[in-house]
Amino acid sequence: MSEEGFIKIDLNEVEDGSDPIPPGLQKVRVKAAFKKHKEGSEYPYIDVRLSPLEAGAKYDNRILFLTLSFHPQALWNMSSS
């Protein structure tokens, strides 16, 4: 495949101005969860929005995103127990 016409952008040294949340286990609050289904996709997914609770004051307004797929080969499964 030819790379002619493509724009190459190196984002390795780019910073977004915010610190990452410290590594480790973090308590979070679920702000919202939506079941969605992309057009053309066979399986739906759940789009979850979270906010950290104890990471520190500078992270209070941070929104974390989690996507959970209903695909049978996904790394998580729901149970009805």
Protein backbone atom coordinates (compact mmCIF):
# COMPACT_ATOMS: atom_id res chain seq x y z
CA MET A 1 0.00 0.00 0.00
CA SER A 2 1.43 3.36 -1.01
CA GLU A 3 1.78 6.06 1.63
CA GLU A 4 1.53 8.82 -0.95
CA GLY A 5 -1.11 11.35 0.03
CA PHE A 6 -1.01 10.45 3.74
CA ILE A 7 0.05 12.96 6.37
CA LYS A 8 2.42 11.60 9.00
CA ILE A 9 2.08 13.11 12.47
CA ASP A 10 4.33 12.09 15.38
CA LEU A 11 2.44 12.57 18.66
CA ASN A 12 5.02 10.88 20.89
CA GLU A 13 6.32 14.16 22.33
CA VAL A 14 2.95 15.96 22.50
CA GLU A 15 1.48 16.70 25.92
CA ASP A 16 -2.17 17.59 26.46
CA GLY A 17 -1.43 19.74 29.51
CA SER A 18 -2.99 17.40 32.05
CA ASP A 19 -1.38 14.90 34.39
CA PRO A 20 -2.49 11.29 34.16
CA ILE A 21 -4.37 9.91 37.13
CA PRO A 22 -1.85 8.17 39.43
CA PRO A 23 -1.38 4.45 38.76
CA GLY A 24 -3.03 1.92 41.04
CA LEU A 25 -6.53 1.08 42.17
CA GLN A 26 -8.86 4.06 42.13
CA LYS A 27 -12.37 4.45 43.51
CA VAL A 28 -14.69 5.94 40.89
CA ARG A 29 -18.31 7.02 40.56
CA VAL A 30 -20.34 5.95 37.55
CA LYS A 31 -21.65 9.21 36.07
CA ALA A 32 -23.52 7.64 33.14
CA ALA A 33 -23.83 4.44 31.15
CA PHE A 34 -25.41 4.14 27.71
CA LYS A 35 -26.10 1.07 25.61
CA LYS A 36 -25.08 1.90 22.04
CA HIS A 37 -24.91 0.10 18.73
CA LYS A 38 -22.75 1.36 15.89
CA GLU A 39 -24.32 1.20 12.47
CA GLY A 40 -22.93 -1.80 10.60
CA SER A 41 -21.68 -3.51 13.77
CA GLU A 42 -23.15 -6.85 14.78
CA TYR A 43 -22.73 -6.31 18.54
CA PRO A 44 -23.80 -3.44 20.81
CA TYR A 45 -21.62 -1.98 23.56
CA ILE A 46 -21.97 -0.07 26.80
CA ASP A 47 -20.35 3.37 26.96
CA VAL A 48 -19.55 4.12 30.63
CA ARG A 49 -18.50 7.54 31.99
CA LEU A 50 -16.72 7.60 35.37
CA SER A 51 -15.23 10.22 37.68
CA PRO A 52 -12.38 9.54 40.14
CA LEU A 53 -13.24 9.93 43.83
CA GLU A 54 -9.93 9.84 45.70
CA ALA A 55 -7.23 10.67 43.14
CA GLY A 56 -6.87 14.23 44.47
CA ALA A 57 -8.52 17.61 44.01
CA LYS A 58 -6.86 18.36 40.67
CA TYR A 59 -8.63 15.29 39.18
CA ASP A 60 -12.13 16.13 40.46
CA ASN A 61 -13.41 17.30 37.06
CA ARG A 62 -11.77 14.48 35.09
CA ILE A 63 -14.05 12.16 33.12
CA LEU A 64 -12.89 8.58 32.49
CA PHE A 65 -14.29 6.55 29.61
CA LEU A 66 -14.85 2.79 29.56
CA THR A 67 -16.31 0.80 26.67
CA LEU A 68 -17.70 -2.69 27.32
CA SER A 69 -18.46 -4.80 24.26
CA PHE A 70 -21.18 -7.45 23.97
CA HIS A 71 -18.98 -9.37 21.50
CA PRO A 72 -18.74 -13.03 22.61
CA GLN A 73 -14.93 -12.84 22.46
CA ALA A 74 -14.74 -9.71 24.64
CA LEU A 75 -12.53 -9.90 27.72
CA TRP A 76 -15.50 -9.54 30.06
CA ASN A 77 -18.89 -11.24 30.22
CA MET A 78 -22.09 -10.26 31.98
CA SER A 79 -23.85 -12.78 34.17
CA SER A 80 -27.37 -12.90 35.53
CA SER A 81 -26.50 -14.45 38.89
